[in-house]
C-alpha atoms as a PDB file:
ATOM      1  CA  MET A   1     207.999  72.520 180.367  1.00  0.00           C
ATOM      2  CA  PRO A   2     207.437  75.903 181.944  1.00  0.00           C
ATOM      3  CA  ASN A   3     205.405  78.437 180.029  1.00  0.00           C
ATOM      4  CA  ILE A   4     207.374  81.459 181.212  1.00  0.00           C
ATOM      5  CA  SER A   5     210.275  83.130 179.497  1.00  0.00           C
ATOM      6  CA  THR A   6     213.676  81.976 180.706  1.00  0.00           C
ATOM      7  CA  ASN A   7     214.731  85.633 180.657  1.00  0.00           C
ATOM      8  CA  LYS A   8     211.999  86.467 183.179  1.00  0.00           C
ATOM      9  CA  VAL A   9     213.077  83.677 185.519  1.00  0.00           C
ATOM     10  CA  VAL A  10     216.724  84.721 185.251  1.00  0.00           C
ATOM     11  CA  ARG A  11     215.721  88.319 185.993  1.00  0.00           C
ATOM     12  CA  VAL A  12     213.913  87.127 189.148  1.00  0.00           C
ATOM     13  CA  ILE A  13     217.093  85.267 190.154  1.00  0.00           C
ATOM     14  CA  PHE A  14     219.261  88.330 189.536  1.00  0.00           C
ATOM     15  CA  LEU A  15     216.876  90.687 191.368  1.00  0.00           C
ATOM     16  CA  ALA A  16     216.658  88.334 194.353  1.00  0.00           C
ATOM     17  CA  ARG A  17     220.443  88.114 194.526  1.00  0.00           C
ATOM     18  CA  GLU A  18     221.114  91.807 193.957  1.00  0.00           C
ATOM     19  CA  TYR A  19     218.424  93.334 196.150  1.00  0.00           C
ATOM     20  CA  GLY A  20     217.327  90.437 198.342  1.00  0.00           C
ATOM     21  CA  PRO A  21     214.268  88.183 198.137  1.00  0.00           C
ATOM     22  CA  ASP A  22     212.116  90.627 200.102  1.00  0.00           C
ATOM     23  CA  SER A  23     213.020  93.716 198.067  1.00  0.00           C
ATOM     24  CA  ASN A  24     210.500  95.992 196.428  1.00  0.00           C
ATOM     25  CA  HIS A  25     212.420  95.601 193.142  1.00  0.00           C
ATOM     26  CA  LEU A  26     211.668  91.874 193.116  1.00  0.00           C
ATOM     27  CA  ARG A  27     208.098  92.247 194.395  1.00  0.00           C
ATOM     28  CA  ASP A  28     207.300  94.891 191.777  1.00  0.00           C
ATOM     29  CA  TYR A  29     208.732  92.773 188.969  1.00  0.00           C
ATOM     30  CA  ILE A  30     206.837  89.607 189.963  1.00  0.00           C
ATOM     31  CA  SER A  31     203.613  91.568 190.471  1.00  0.00           C
ATOM     32  CA  GLY A  32     203.662  92.296 186.739  1.00  0.00           C
ATOM     33  CA  PHE A  33     203.408  88.611 185.827  1.00  0.00           C
ATOM     34  CA  ASN A  34     200.128  87.269 184.531  1.00  0.00           C
ATOM     35  CA  GLU A  35     198.495  84.347 186.379  1.00  0.00           C
ATOM     36  CA  GLU A  36     200.041  81.732 184.103  1.00  0.00           C
ATOM     37  CA  GLU A  37     203.559  83.123 184.476  1.00  0.00           C
ATOM     38  CA  ALA A  38     203.150  83.398 188.248  1.00  0.00           C
ATOM     39  CA  ALA A  39     201.982  79.785 188.532  1.00  0.00           C
ATOM     40  CA  ASN A  40     204.879  78.641 186.365  1.00  0.00           C
ATOM     41  CA  LEU A  41     207.351  80.559 188.553  1.00  0.00           C
ATOM     42  CA  VAL A  42     205.985  78.949 191.723  1.00  0.00           C
ATOM     43  CA  ALA A  43     205.954  75.467 190.161  1.00  0.00           C
ATOM     44  CA  LEU A  44     209.534  75.975 188.989  1.00  0.00           C
ATOM     45  CA  MET A  45     210.583  76.977 192.500  1.00  0.00           C
ATOM     46  CA  TRP A  46     208.845  73.871 193.907  1.00  0.00           C
ATOM     47  CA  VAL A  47     210.712  71.615 191.468  1.00  0.00           C
ATOM     48  CA  GLY A  48     213.936  73.337 192.476  1.00  0.00           C
ATOM     49  CA  ARG A  49     213.358  72.761 196.175  1.00  0.00           C
ATOM     50  CA  GLU A  50     212.374  69.163 195.387  1.00  0.00           C
ATOM     51  CA  SER A  51     208.741  69.423 196.465  1.00  0.00           C
ATOM     52  CA  PHE A  52     207.980  67.937 193.031  1.00  0.00           C
ATOM     53  CA  GLU A  53     210.126  65.881 190.691  1.00  0.00           C
ATOM     54  CA  PRO A  54     210.813  67.268 187.211  1.00  0.00           C
ATOM     55  CA  GLU A  55     208.682  64.531 185.664  1.00  0.00           C
ATOM     56  CA  ASP A  56     205.764  65.752 187.813  1.00  0.00           C
ATOM     57  CA  TRP A  57     205.816  69.213 186.211  1.00  0.00           C
ATOM     58  CA  ALA A  58     202.144  69.084 185.183  1.00  0.00           C
ATOM     59  CA  GLU A  59     201.118  68.266 188.761  1.00  0.00           C
ATOM     60  CA  ALA A  60     203.343  71.030 190.177  1.00  0.00           C
ATOM     61  CA  LEU A  61     201.829  73.552 187.778  1.00  0.00           C
ATOM     62  CA  ALA A  62     198.262  72.411 188.494  1.00  0.00           C
ATOM     63  CA  THR A  63     198.914  72.664 192.242  1.00  0.00           C
ATOM     64  CA  ALA A  64     200.471  76.130 191.891  1.00  0.00           C
ATOM     65  CA  THR A  65     197.457  77.278 189.889  1.00  0.00           C
ATOM     66  CA  ALA A  66     194.921  75.781 192.307  1.00  0.00           C
ATOM     67  CA  GLU A  67     196.647  77.047 195.442  1.00  0.00           C
ATOM     68  CA  ALA A  68     197.248  80.613 194.243  1.00  0.00           C
ATOM     69  CA  THR A  69     195.283  82.384 196.971  1.00  0.00           C
ATOM     70  CA  ALA A  70     197.753  85.203 197.695  1.00  0.00           C
ATOM     71  CA  PRO A  71     199.752  87.353 195.297  1.00  0.00           C
ATOM     72  CA  THR A  72     202.798  85.450 194.096  1.00  0.00           C
ATOM     73  CA  GLU A  73     205.136  88.268 195.094  1.00  0.00           C
ATOM     74  CA  ASN A  74     203.867  87.916 198.680  1.00  0.00           C
ATOM     75  CA  TYR A  75     204.325  84.145 198.667  1.00  0.00           C
ATOM     76  CA  LEU A  76     207.866  84.264 197.280  1.00  0.00           C
ATOM     77  CA  SER A  77     209.120  87.388 199.037  1.00  0.00           C
ATOM     78  CA  GLY A  78     211.447  86.828 201.907  1.00  0.00           C
ATOM     79  CA  MET A  79     212.301  83.299 200.755  1.00  0.00           C
ATOM     80  CA  PRO A  80     216.114  83.415 201.113  1.00  0.00           C
ATOM     81  CA  GLU A  81     216.614  80.318 198.961  1.00  0.00           C
ATOM     82  CA  LEU A  82     214.427  81.615 196.099  1.00  0.00           C
ATOM     83  CA  PRO A  83     217.231  82.197 193.557  1.00  0.00           C
ATOM     84  CA  ASP A  84     218.839  78.847 194.370  1.00  0.00           C
ATOM     85  CA  HIS A  85     215.525  77.005 194.064  1.00  0.00           C
ATOM     86  CA  LEU A  86     214.758  78.665 190.732  1.00  0.00           C
ATOM     87  CA  GLU A  87     218.205  77.807 189.363  1.00  0.00           C
ATOM     88  CA  ALA A  88     217.835  74.230 190.553  1.00  0.00           C
ATOM     89  CA  GLY A  89     214.377  74.015 188.980  1.00  0.00           C
ATOM     90  CA  LEU A  90     215.649  75.250 185.620  1.00  0.00           C
ATOM     91  CA  GLU A  91     218.538  72.792 185.779  1.00  0.00           C
ATOM     92  CA  ALA A  92     216.267  69.892 186.789  1.00  0.00           C
ATOM     93  CA  LEU A  93     214.061  70.609 183.778  1.00  0.00           C
ATOM     94  CA  GLY A  94     217.092  70.781 181.474  1.00  0.00           C
ATOM     95  CA  ILE A  95     216.676  74.463 180.623  1.00  0.00           C
ATOM     96  CA  ASP A  96     219.877  76.187 179.539  1.00  0.00           C
ATOM     97  CA  VAL A  97     220.060  79.713 180.908  1.00  0.00           C
ATOM     98  CA  THR A  98     223.484  80.669 179.573  1.00  0.00           C
ATOM     99  CA  GLU A  99     222.198  83.146 176.993  1.00  0.00           C
ATOM    100  CA  ALA A 100     219.757  84.755 179.432  1.00  0.00           C
ATOM    101  CA  GLU A 101     222.441  85.027 182.130  1.00  0.00           C
ATOM    102  CA  ASP A 102     224.868  86.612 179.669  1.00  0.00           C
ATOM    103  CA  HIS A 103     222.207  89.168 178.740  1.00  0.00           C
ATOM    104  CA  TYR A 104     221.813  90.288 182.371  1.00  0.00           C
ATOM    105  CA  ARG A 105     225.530  90.267 183.106  1.00  0.00           C
ATOM    106  CA  ASP A 106     226.192  92.471 180.094  1.00  0.00           C
ATOM    107  CA  SER A 107     223.377  94.933 180.906  1.00  0.00           C
END
């Protein structure tokens, strides 16, 4: 299972949808993630775009960690499907985001 707060992932989804995947709002937010959170975000996106199966989470995370040669915000910025891939990744891993989504809708 991902070792990143569901609220953080949902915030990335909301920022990407509201401002666009190449916005400074999104880049600034992701740049504040530590290495572990960044790797988890990338691995989650890969599961969502079906580069890895949910049962291969450990491999996805290890690959994201090993291949992290550029800042995560640079890698993910401009990826139009980013919010969809993250949502699909959360769903594939059976993570319920209802409470986190409600928090951002009510803010």
